[in-house]
mmCIF file of all heavy atoms, coordinates in Angstrom:
data_MODEL
# 
_entry.id   MODEL 
# 
loop_
_atom_site.group_PDB 
_atom_site.id 
_atom_site.type_symbol 
_atom_site.label_atom_id 
_atom_site.label_alt_id 
_atom_site.label_comp_id 
_atom_site.label_asym_id 
_atom_site.label_entity_id 
_atom_site.label_seq_id 
_atom_site.pdbx_PDB_ins_code 
_atom_site.Cartn_x 
_atom_site.Cartn_y 
_atom_site.Cartn_z 
_atom_site.occupancy 
_atom_site.B_iso_or_equiv 
_atom_site.pdbx_formal_charge 
_atom_site.auth_seq_id 
_atom_site.auth_comp_id 
_atom_site.auth_asym_id 
_atom_site.auth_atom_id 
_atom_site.pdbx_PDB_model_num 
ATOM 1   N N   . SER A 1 1  ? 107.858 112.416 129.904 1.00 0.00 ? 1  SER A N   1 
ATOM 2   C CA  . SER A 1 1  ? 108.332 111.932 128.606 1.00 0.00 ? 1  SER A CA  1 
ATOM 3   C C   . SER A 1 1  ? 107.487 112.523 127.469 1.00 0.00 ? 1  SER A C   1 
ATOM 4   O O   . SER A 1 1  ? 106.357 112.976 127.700 1.00 0.00 ? 1  SER A O   1 
ATOM 5   C CB  . SER A 1 1  ? 108.232 110.367 128.576 1.00 0.00 ? 1  SER A CB  1 
ATOM 6   O OG  . SER A 1 1  ? 108.536 109.900 127.299 1.00 0.00 ? 1  SER A OG  1 
ATOM 7   N N   . SER A 1 2  ? 108.092 112.514 126.281 1.00 0.00 ? 2  SER A N   1 
ATOM 8   C CA  . SER A 1 2  ? 107.393 112.959 125.091 1.00 0.00 ? 2  SER A CA  1 
ATOM 9   C C   . SER A 1 2  ? 107.054 111.774 124.152 1.00 0.00 ? 2  SER A C   1 
ATOM 10  O O   . SER A 1 2  ? 106.490 111.995 123.075 1.00 0.00 ? 2  SER A O   1 
ATOM 11  C CB  . SER A 1 2  ? 108.270 113.951 124.294 1.00 0.00 ? 2  SER A CB  1 
ATOM 12  O OG  . SER A 1 2  ? 109.431 113.350 123.884 1.00 0.00 ? 2  SER A OG  1 
ATOM 13  N N   . THR A 1 3  ? 107.301 110.597 124.605 1.00 0.00 ? 3  THR A N   1 
ATOM 14  C CA  . THR A 1 3  ? 107.084 109.389 123.767 1.00 0.00 ? 3  THR A CA  1 
ATOM 15  C C   . THR A 1 3  ? 106.010 108.479 124.327 1.00 0.00 ? 3  THR A C   1 
ATOM 16  O O   . THR A 1 3  ? 106.007 108.116 125.504 1.00 0.00 ? 3  THR A O   1 
ATOM 17  C CB  . THR A 1 3  ? 108.399 108.606 123.682 1.00 0.00 ? 3  THR A CB  1 
ATOM 18  O OG1 . THR A 1 3  ? 109.445 109.429 123.148 1.00 0.00 ? 3  THR A OG1 1 
ATOM 19  C CG2 . THR A 1 3  ? 108.209 107.394 122.731 1.00 0.00 ? 3  THR A CG2 1 
ATOM 20  N N   . TYR A 1 4  ? 105.091 108.109 123.413 1.00 0.00 ? 4  TYR A N   1 
ATOM 21  C CA  . TYR A 1 4  ? 104.050 107.184 123.772 1.00 0.00 ? 4  TYR A CA  1 
ATOM 22  C C   . TYR A 1 4  ? 104.541 105.781 123.443 1.00 0.00 ? 4  TYR A C   1 
ATOM 23  O O   . TYR A 1 4  ? 105.218 105.531 122.442 1.00 0.00 ? 4  TYR A O   1 
ATOM 24  C CB  . TYR A 1 4  ? 102.739 107.431 123.003 1.00 0.00 ? 4  TYR A CB  1 
ATOM 25  C CG  . TYR A 1 4  ? 101.892 108.473 123.580 1.00 0.00 ? 4  TYR A CG  1 
ATOM 26  C CD1 . TYR A 1 4  ? 101.958 109.824 123.210 1.00 0.00 ? 4  TYR A CD1 1 
ATOM 27  C CD2 . TYR A 1 4  ? 100.923 108.114 124.562 1.00 0.00 ? 4  TYR A CD2 1 
ATOM 28  C CE1 . TYR A 1 4  ? 101.110 110.785 123.755 1.00 0.00 ? 4  TYR A CE1 1 
ATOM 29  C CE2 . TYR A 1 4  ? 100.070 109.070 125.114 1.00 0.00 ? 4  TYR A CE2 1 
ATOM 30  C CZ  . TYR A 1 4  ? 100.164 110.381 124.677 1.00 0.00 ? 4  TYR A CZ  1 
ATOM 31  O OH  . TYR A 1 4  ? 99.346  111.400 125.228 1.00 0.00 ? 4  TYR A OH  1 
ATOM 32  N N   . SER A 1 5  ? 104.088 104.771 124.248 1.00 0.00 ? 5  SER A N   1 
ATOM 33  C CA  . SER A 1 5  ? 104.379 103.364 123.981 1.00 0.00 ? 5  SER A CA  1 
ATOM 34  C C   . SER A 1 5  ? 103.096 102.580 123.972 1.00 0.00 ? 5  SER A C   1 
ATOM 35  O O   . SER A 1 5  ? 102.162 102.879 124.814 1.00 0.00 ? 5  SER A O   1 
ATOM 36  C CB  . SER A 1 5  ? 105.354 102.793 125.019 1.00 0.00 ? 5  SER A CB  1 
ATOM 37  O OG  . SER A 1 5  ? 106.598 103.465 125.013 1.00 0.00 ? 5  SER A OG  1 
ATOM 38  N N   . THR A 1 6  ? 102.977 101.604 123.107 1.00 0.00 ? 6  THR A N   1 
ATOM 39  C CA  . THR A 1 6  ? 101.744 100.765 123.036 1.00 0.00 ? 6  THR A CA  1 
ATOM 40  C C   . THR A 1 6  ? 101.728 99.773  124.201 1.00 0.00 ? 6  THR A C   1 
ATOM 41  O O   . THR A 1 6  ? 102.679 99.038  124.428 1.00 0.00 ? 6  THR A O   1 
ATOM 42  C CB  . THR A 1 6  ? 101.698 100.038 121.690 1.00 0.00 ? 6  THR A CB  1 
ATOM 43  O OG1 . THR A 1 6  ? 101.604 101.018 120.578 1.00 0.00 ? 6  THR A OG1 1 
ATOM 44  C CG2 . THR A 1 6  ? 100.443 99.159  121.659 1.00 0.00 ? 6  THR A CG2 1 
ATOM 45  N N   . VAL A 1 7  ? 100.641 99.732  124.889 1.00 0.00 ? 7  VAL A N   1 
ATOM 46  C CA  . VAL A 1 7  ? 100.454 98.887  126.061 1.00 0.00 ? 7  VAL A CA  1 
ATOM 47  C C   . VAL A 1 7  ? 99.699  97.592  125.646 1.00 0.00 ? 7  VAL A C   1 
ATOM 48  O O   . VAL A 1 7  ? 100.105 96.502  126.004 1.00 0.00 ? 7  VAL A O   1 
ATOM 49  C CB  . VAL A 1 7  ? 99.701  99.596  127.210 1.00 0.00 ? 7  VAL A CB  1 
ATOM 50  C CG1 . VAL A 1 7  ? 99.397  98.647  128.354 1.00 0.00 ? 7  VAL A CG1 1 
ATOM 51  C CG2 . VAL A 1 7  ? 100.486 100.767 127.650 1.00 0.00 ? 7  VAL A CG2 1 
ATOM 52  N N   . LYS A 1 8  ? 98.690  97.761  124.874 1.00 0.00 ? 8  LYS A N   1 
ATOM 53  C CA  . LYS A 1 8  ? 97.919  96.621  124.354 1.00 0.00 ? 8  LYS A CA  1 
ATOM 54  C C   . LYS A 1 8  ? 97.021  97.045  123.195 1.00 0.00 ? 8  LYS A C   1 
ATOM 55  O O   . LYS A 1 8  ? 96.902  98.254  122.874 1.00 0.00 ? 8  LYS A O   1 
ATOM 56  C CB  . LYS A 1 8  ? 97.039  96.025  125.485 1.00 0.00 ? 8  LYS A CB  1 
ATOM 57  C CG  . LYS A 1 8  ? 95.967  96.972  126.049 1.00 0.00 ? 8  LYS A CG  1 
ATOM 58  C CD  . LYS A 1 8  ? 94.994  96.278  126.992 1.00 0.00 ? 8  LYS A CD  1 
ATOM 59  C CE  . LYS A 1 8  ? 95.649  95.796  128.239 1.00 0.00 ? 8  LYS A CE  1 
ATOM 60  N NZ  . LYS A 1 8  ? 94.639  95.237  129.187 1.00 0.00 ? 8  LYS A NZ  1 
ATOM 61  N N   . THR A 1 9  ? 96.425  96.091  122.547 1.00 0.00 ? 9  THR A N   1 
ATOM 62  C CA  . THR A 1 9  ? 95.547  96.344  121.413 1.00 0.00 ? 9  THR A CA  1 
ATOM 63  C C   . THR A 1 9  ? 94.157  95.791  121.759 1.00 0.00 ? 9  THR A C   1 
ATOM 64  O O   . THR A 1 9  ? 94.019  94.650  122.233 1.00 0.00 ? 9  THR A O   1 
ATOM 65  C CB  . THR A 1 9  ? 96.065  95.662  120.106 1.00 0.00 ? 9  THR A CB  1 
ATOM 66  O OG1 . THR A 1 9  ? 97.360  96.251  119.792 1.00 0.00 ? 9  THR A OG1 1 
ATOM 67  C CG2 . THR A 1 9  ? 95.076  95.926  118.935 1.00 0.00 ? 9  THR A CG2 1 
ATOM 68  N N   . VAL A 1 10 ? 93.146  96.621  121.450 1.00 0.00 ? 10 VAL A N   1 
ATOM 69  C CA  . VAL A 1 10 ? 91.714  96.244  121.790 1.00 0.00 ? 10 VAL A CA  1 
ATOM 70  C C   . VAL A 1 10 ? 90.900  96.358  120.535 1.00 0.00 ? 10 VAL A C   1 
ATOM 71  O O   . VAL A 1 10 ? 91.161  97.180  119.653 1.00 0.00 ? 10 VAL A O   1 
ATOM 72  C CB  . VAL A 1 10 ? 91.181  97.190  122.878 1.00 0.00 ? 10 VAL A CB  1 
ATOM 73  C CG1 . VAL A 1 10 ? 89.714  96.987  123.129 1.00 0.00 ? 10 VAL A CG1 1 
ATOM 74  C CG2 . VAL A 1 10 ? 92.013  97.049  124.177 1.00 0.00 ? 10 VAL A CG2 1 
ATOM 75  N N   . THR A 1 11 ? 89.914  95.509  120.423 1.00 0.00 ? 11 THR A N   1 
ATOM 76  C CA  . THR A 1 11 ? 88.980  95.538  119.291 1.00 0.00 ? 11 THR A CA  1 
ATOM 77  C C   . THR A 1 11 ? 87.708  96.312  119.598 1.00 0.00 ? 11 THR A C   1 
ATOM 78  O O   . THR A 1 11 ? 87.114  96.127  120.669 1.00 0.00 ? 11 THR A O   1 
ATOM 79  C CB  . THR A 1 11 ? 88.571  94.140  118.822 1.00 0.00 ? 11 THR A CB  1 
ATOM 80  O OG1 . THR A 1 11 ? 89.761  93.391  118.471 1.00 0.00 ? 11 THR A OG1 1 
ATOM 81  C CG2 . THR A 1 11 ? 87.651  94.152  117.659 1.00 0.00 ? 11 THR A CG2 1 
ATOM 82  N N   . SER A 1 12 ? 87.338  97.265  118.755 1.00 0.00 ? 12 SER A N   1 
ATOM 83  C CA  . SER A 1 12 ? 86.157  98.064  119.012 1.00 0.00 ? 12 SER A CA  1 
ATOM 84  C C   . SER A 1 12 ? 84.832  97.243  118.943 1.00 0.00 ? 12 SER A C   1 
ATOM 85  O O   . SER A 1 12 ? 84.810  96.253  118.193 1.00 0.00 ? 12 SER A O   1 
ATOM 86  C CB  . SER A 1 12 ? 86.022  99.184  117.980 1.00 0.00 ? 12 SER A CB  1 
ATOM 87  O OG  . SER A 1 12 ? 85.955  98.717  116.678 1.00 0.00 ? 12 SER A OG  1 
ATOM 88  N N   . SER A 1 13 ? 83.920  97.540  119.756 1.00 0.00 ? 13 SER A N   1 
ATOM 89  C CA  . SER A 1 13 ? 82.634  96.854  119.797 1.00 0.00 ? 13 SER A CA  1 
ATOM 90  C C   . SER A 1 13 ? 81.756  97.066  118.676 1.00 0.00 ? 13 SER A C   1 
ATOM 91  O O   . SER A 1 13 ? 82.104  97.877  117.734 1.00 0.00 ? 13 SER A O   1 
ATOM 92  C CB  . SER A 1 13 ? 81.906  97.208  121.115 1.00 0.00 ? 13 SER A CB  1 
ATOM 93  O OG  . SER A 1 13 ? 81.303  98.516  120.994 1.00 0.00 ? 13 SER A OG  1 
ATOM 94  N N   . SER A 1 14 ? 80.571  96.531  118.638 1.00 0.00 ? 14 SER A N   1 
ATOM 95  C CA  . SER A 1 14 ? 79.636  96.714  117.562 1.00 0.00 ? 14 SER A CA  1 
ATOM 96  C C   . SER A 1 14 ? 79.196  98.174  117.392 1.00 0.00 ? 14 SER A C   1 
ATOM 97  O O   . SER A 1 14 ? 78.731  98.566  116.357 1.00 0.00 ? 14 SER A O   1 
ATOM 98  C CB  . SER A 1 14 ? 78.373  95.816  117.777 1.00 0.00 ? 14 SER A CB  1 
ATOM 99  O OG  . SER A 1 14 ? 77.742  96.191  118.980 1.00 0.00 ? 14 SER A OG  1 
ATOM 100 N N   . THR A 1 15 ? 79.385  98.971  118.420 1.00 0.00 ? 15 THR A N   1 
ATOM 101 C CA  . THR A 1 15 ? 79.037  100.374 118.407 1.00 0.00 ? 15 THR A CA  1 
ATOM 102 C C   . THR A 1 15 ? 80.305  101.293 118.298 1.00 0.00 ? 15 THR A C   1 
ATOM 103 O O   . THR A 1 15 ? 80.183  102.503 118.322 1.00 0.00 ? 15 THR A O   1 
ATOM 104 C CB  . THR A 1 15 ? 78.261  100.791 119.643 1.00 0.00 ? 15 THR A CB  1 
ATOM 105 O OG1 . THR A 1 15 ? 79.043  100.566 120.825 1.00 0.00 ? 15 THR A OG1 1 
ATOM 106 C CG2 . THR A 1 15 ? 76.963  100.006 119.716 1.00 0.00 ? 15 THR A CG2 1 
ATOM 107 N N   . GLY A 1 16 ? 81.464  100.615 118.185 1.00 0.00 ? 16 GLY A N   1 
ATOM 108 C CA  . GLY A 1 16 ? 82.722  101.394 118.116 1.00 0.00 ? 16 GLY A CA  1 
ATOM 109 C C   . GLY A 1 16 ? 83.308  101.694 119.461 1.00 0.00 ? 16 GLY A C   1 
ATOM 110 O O   . GLY A 1 16 ? 84.322  102.349 119.585 1.00 0.00 ? 16 GLY A O   1 
ATOM 111 N N   . ALA A 1 17 ? 82.650  101.215 120.602 1.00 0.00 ? 17 ALA A N   1 
ATOM 112 C CA  . ALA A 1 17 ? 83.181  101.459 121.942 1.00 0.00 ? 17 ALA A CA  1 
ATOM 113 C C   . ALA A 1 17 ? 84.459  100.686 122.198 1.00 0.00 ? 17 ALA A C   1 
ATOM 114 O O   . ALA A 1 17 ? 84.702  99.592  121.677 1.00 0.00 ? 17 ALA A O   1 
ATOM 115 C CB  . ALA A 1 17 ? 82.113  101.033 122.956 1.00 0.00 ? 17 ALA A CB  1 
ATOM 116 N N   . LEU A 1 18 ? 85.282  101.302 123.083 1.00 0.00 ? 18 LEU A N   1 
ATOM 117 C CA  . LEU A 1 18 ? 86.539  100.732 123.483 1.00 0.00 ? 18 LEU A CA  1 
ATOM 118 C C   . LEU A 1 18 ? 86.617  100.689 125.006 1.00 0.00 ? 18 LEU A C   1 
ATOM 119 O O   . LEU A 1 18 ? 86.192  101.623 125.679 1.00 0.00 ? 18 LEU A O   1 
ATOM 120 C CB  . LEU A 1 18 ? 87.724  101.534 122.931 1.00 0.00 ? 18 LEU A CB  1 
ATOM 121 C CG  . LEU A 1 18 ? 87.815  101.668 121.408 1.00 0.00 ? 18 LEU A CG  1 
ATOM 122 C CD1 . LEU A 1 18 ? 88.753  102.811 121.042 1.00 0.00 ? 18 LEU A CD1 1 
ATOM 123 C CD2 . LEU A 1 18 ? 88.363  100.361 120.826 1.00 0.00 ? 18 LEU A CD2 1 
ATOM 124 N N   . LYS A 1 19 ? 87.086  99.529  125.557 1.00 0.00 ? 19 LYS A N   1 
ATOM 125 C CA  . LYS A 1 19 ? 87.219  99.503  127.035 1.00 0.00 ? 19 LYS A CA  1 
ATOM 126 C C   . LYS A 1 19 ? 88.244  98.429  127.389 1.00 0.00 ? 19 LYS A C   1 
ATOM 127 O O   . LYS A 1 19 ? 88.307  97.351  126.789 1.00 0.00 ? 19 LYS A O   1 
ATOM 128 C CB  . LYS A 1 19 ? 85.880  99.130  127.654 1.00 0.00 ? 19 LYS A CB  1 
ATOM 129 C CG  . LYS A 1 19 ? 85.935  99.090  129.176 1.00 0.00 ? 19 LYS A CG  1 
ATOM 130 C CD  . LYS A 1 19 ? 84.526  98.826  129.729 1.00 0.00 ? 19 LYS A CD  1 
ATOM 131 C CE  . LYS A 1 19 ? 84.556  98.788  131.285 1.00 0.00 ? 19 LYS A CE  1 
ATOM 132 N NZ  . LYS A 1 19 ? 83.172  98.551  131.846 1.00 0.00 ? 19 LYS A NZ  1 
ATOM 133 N N   . THR A 1 20 ? 89.141  98.758  128.339 1.00 0.00 ? 20 THR A N   1 
ATOM 134 C CA  . THR A 1 20 ? 90.117  97.804  128.876 1.00 0.00 ? 20 THR A CA  1 
ATOM 135 C C   . THR A 1 20 ? 90.584  98.295  130.211 1.00 0.00 ? 20 THR A C   1 
ATOM 136 O O   . THR A 1 20 ? 90.290  99.406  130.642 1.00 0.00 ? 20 THR A O   1 
ATOM 137 C CB  . THR A 1 20 ? 91.299  97.640  127.899 1.00 0.00 ? 20 THR A CB  1 
ATOM 138 O OG1 . THR A 1 20 ? 92.101  96.539  128.270 1.00 0.00 ? 20 THR A OG1 1 
ATOM 139 C CG2 . THR A 1 20 ? 92.162  98.914  127.924 1.00 0.00 ? 20 THR A CG2 1 
ATOM 140 N N   . THR A 1 21 ? 91.309  97.448  130.932 1.00 0.00 ? 21 THR A N   1 
ATOM 141 C CA  . THR A 1 21 ? 91.848  97.770  132.215 1.00 0.00 ? 21 THR A CA  1 
ATOM 142 C C   . THR A 1 21 ? 93.391  97.607  132.222 1.00 0.00 ? 21 THR A C   1 
ATOM 143 O O   . THR A 1 21 ? 93.893  96.735  131.520 1.00 0.00 ? 21 THR A O   1 
ATOM 144 C CB  . THR A 1 21 ? 91.256  96.922  133.375 1.00 0.00 ? 21 THR A CB  1 
ATOM 145 O OG1 . THR A 1 21 ? 91.508  95.527  133.091 1.00 0.00 ? 21 THR A OG1 1 
ATOM 146 C CG2 . THR A 1 21 ? 89.743  97.196  133.485 1.00 0.00 ? 21 THR A CG2 1 
ATOM 147 N N   . VAL A 1 22 ? 94.025  98.402  133.002 1.00 0.00 ? 22 VAL A N   1 
ATOM 148 C CA  . VAL A 1 22 ? 95.484  98.370  133.197 1.00 0.00 ? 22 VAL A CA  1 
ATOM 149 C C   . VAL A 1 22 ? 95.804  98.612  134.634 1.00 0.00 ? 22 VAL A C   1 
ATOM 150 O O   . VAL A 1 22 ? 94.963  99.104  135.415 1.00 0.00 ? 22 VAL A O   1 
ATOM 151 C CB  . VAL A 1 22 ? 96.231  99.369  132.284 1.00 0.00 ? 22 VAL A CB  1 
ATOM 152 C CG1 . VAL A 1 22 ? 96.063  99.017  130.797 1.00 0.00 ? 22 VAL A CG1 1 
ATOM 153 C CG2 . VAL A 1 22 ? 95.728  100.803 132.561 1.00 0.00 ? 22 VAL A CG2 1 
ATOM 154 N N   . THR A 1 23 ? 97.070  98.347  135.025 1.00 0.00 ? 23 THR A N   1 
ATOM 155 C CA  . THR A 1 23 ? 97.523  98.631  136.350 1.00 0.00 ? 23 THR A CA  1 
ATOM 156 C C   . THR A 1 23 ? 98.166  99.994  136.355 1.00 0.00 ? 23 THR A C   1 
ATOM 157 O O   . THR A 1 23 ? 99.047  100.312 135.537 1.00 0.00 ? 23 THR A O   1 
ATOM 158 C CB  . THR A 1 23 ? 98.507  97.600  136.847 1.00 0.00 ? 23 THR A CB  1 
ATOM 159 O OG1 . THR A 1 23 ? 97.858  96.333  136.840 1.00 0.00 ? 23 THR A OG1 1 
ATOM 160 C CG2 . THR A 1 23 ? 98.969  97.883  138.233 1.00 0.00 ? 23 THR A CG2 1 
ATOM 161 N N   . ALA A 1 24 ? 97.751  100.885 137.297 1.00 0.00 ? 24 ALA A N   1 
ATOM 162 C CA  . ALA A 1 24 ? 98.344  102.201 137.416 1.00 0.00 ? 24 ALA A CA  1 
ATOM 163 C C   . ALA A 1 24 ? 99.685  102.156 138.118 1.00 0.00 ? 24 ALA A C   1 
ATOM 164 O O   . ALA A 1 24 ? 99.746  101.746 139.325 1.00 0.00 ? 24 ALA A O   1 
ATOM 165 C CB  . ALA A 1 24 ? 97.326  103.117 138.123 1.00 0.00 ? 24 ALA A CB  1 
ATOM 166 N N   . ASN A 1 25 ? 100.707 102.566 137.452 1.00 0.00 ? 25 ASN A N   1 
ATOM 167 C CA  . ASN A 1 25 ? 102.035 102.549 138.067 1.00 0.00 ? 25 ASN A CA  1 
ATOM 168 C C   . ASN A 1 25 ? 102.735 103.913 138.116 1.00 0.00 ? 25 ASN A C   1 
ATOM 169 O O   . ASN A 1 25 ? 103.660 104.093 138.901 1.00 0.00 ? 25 ASN A O   1 
ATOM 170 C CB  . ASN A 1 25 ? 102.953 101.564 137.237 1.00 0.00 ? 25 ASN A CB  1 
ATOM 171 C CG  . ASN A 1 25 ? 102.547 100.131 137.500 1.00 0.00 ? 25 ASN A CG  1 
ATOM 172 O OD1 . ASN A 1 25 ? 102.277 99.702  138.613 1.00 0.00 ? 25 ASN A OD1 1 
ATOM 173 N ND2 . ASN A 1 25 ? 102.532 99.386  136.367 1.00 0.00 ? 25 ASN A ND2 1 
ATOM 174 N N   . ALA A 1 26 ? 102.315 104.821 137.242 1.00 0.00 ? 26 ALA A N   1 
ATOM 175 C CA  . ALA A 1 26 ? 103.020 106.153 137.214 1.00 0.00 ? 26 ALA A CA  1 
ATOM 176 C C   . ALA A 1 26 ? 102.094 107.206 136.596 1.00 0.00 ? 26 ALA A C   1 
ATOM 177 O O   . ALA A 1 26 ? 101.120 106.887 135.854 1.00 0.00 ? 26 ALA A O   1 
ATOM 178 C CB  . ALA A 1 26 ? 104.278 106.019 136.344 1.00 0.00 ? 26 ALA A CB  1 
ATOM 179 N N   . ASP A 1 27 ? 102.362 108.466 137.012 1.00 0.00 ? 27 ASP A N   1 
ATOM 180 C CA  . ASP A 1 27 ? 101.580 109.576 136.398 1.00 0.00 ? 27 ASP A CA  1 
ATOM 181 C C   . ASP A 1 27 ? 101.863 109.591 134.897 1.00 0.00 ? 27 ASP A C   1 
ATOM 182 O O   . ASP A 1 27 ? 102.952 109.311 134.411 1.00 0.00 ? 27 ASP A O   1 
ATOM 183 C CB  . ASP A 1 27 ? 102.128 110.941 136.974 1.00 0.00 ? 27 ASP A CB  1 
ATOM 184 C CG  . ASP A 1 27 ? 101.864 111.088 138.433 1.00 0.00 ? 27 ASP A CG  1 
ATOM 185 O OD1 . ASP A 1 27 ? 101.066 110.242 138.978 1.00 0.00 ? 27 ASP A OD1 1 
ATOM 186 O OD2 . ASP A 1 27 ? 102.387 112.031 139.040 1.00 0.00 ? 27 ASP A OD2 1 
# 
């Protein structure tokens, strides 16, 4: 596909770091 879809929104940490988990379903 050529289209991105939003999965979730995360808030950056005090250092700007980002981290989350998702379930892998497709390449």
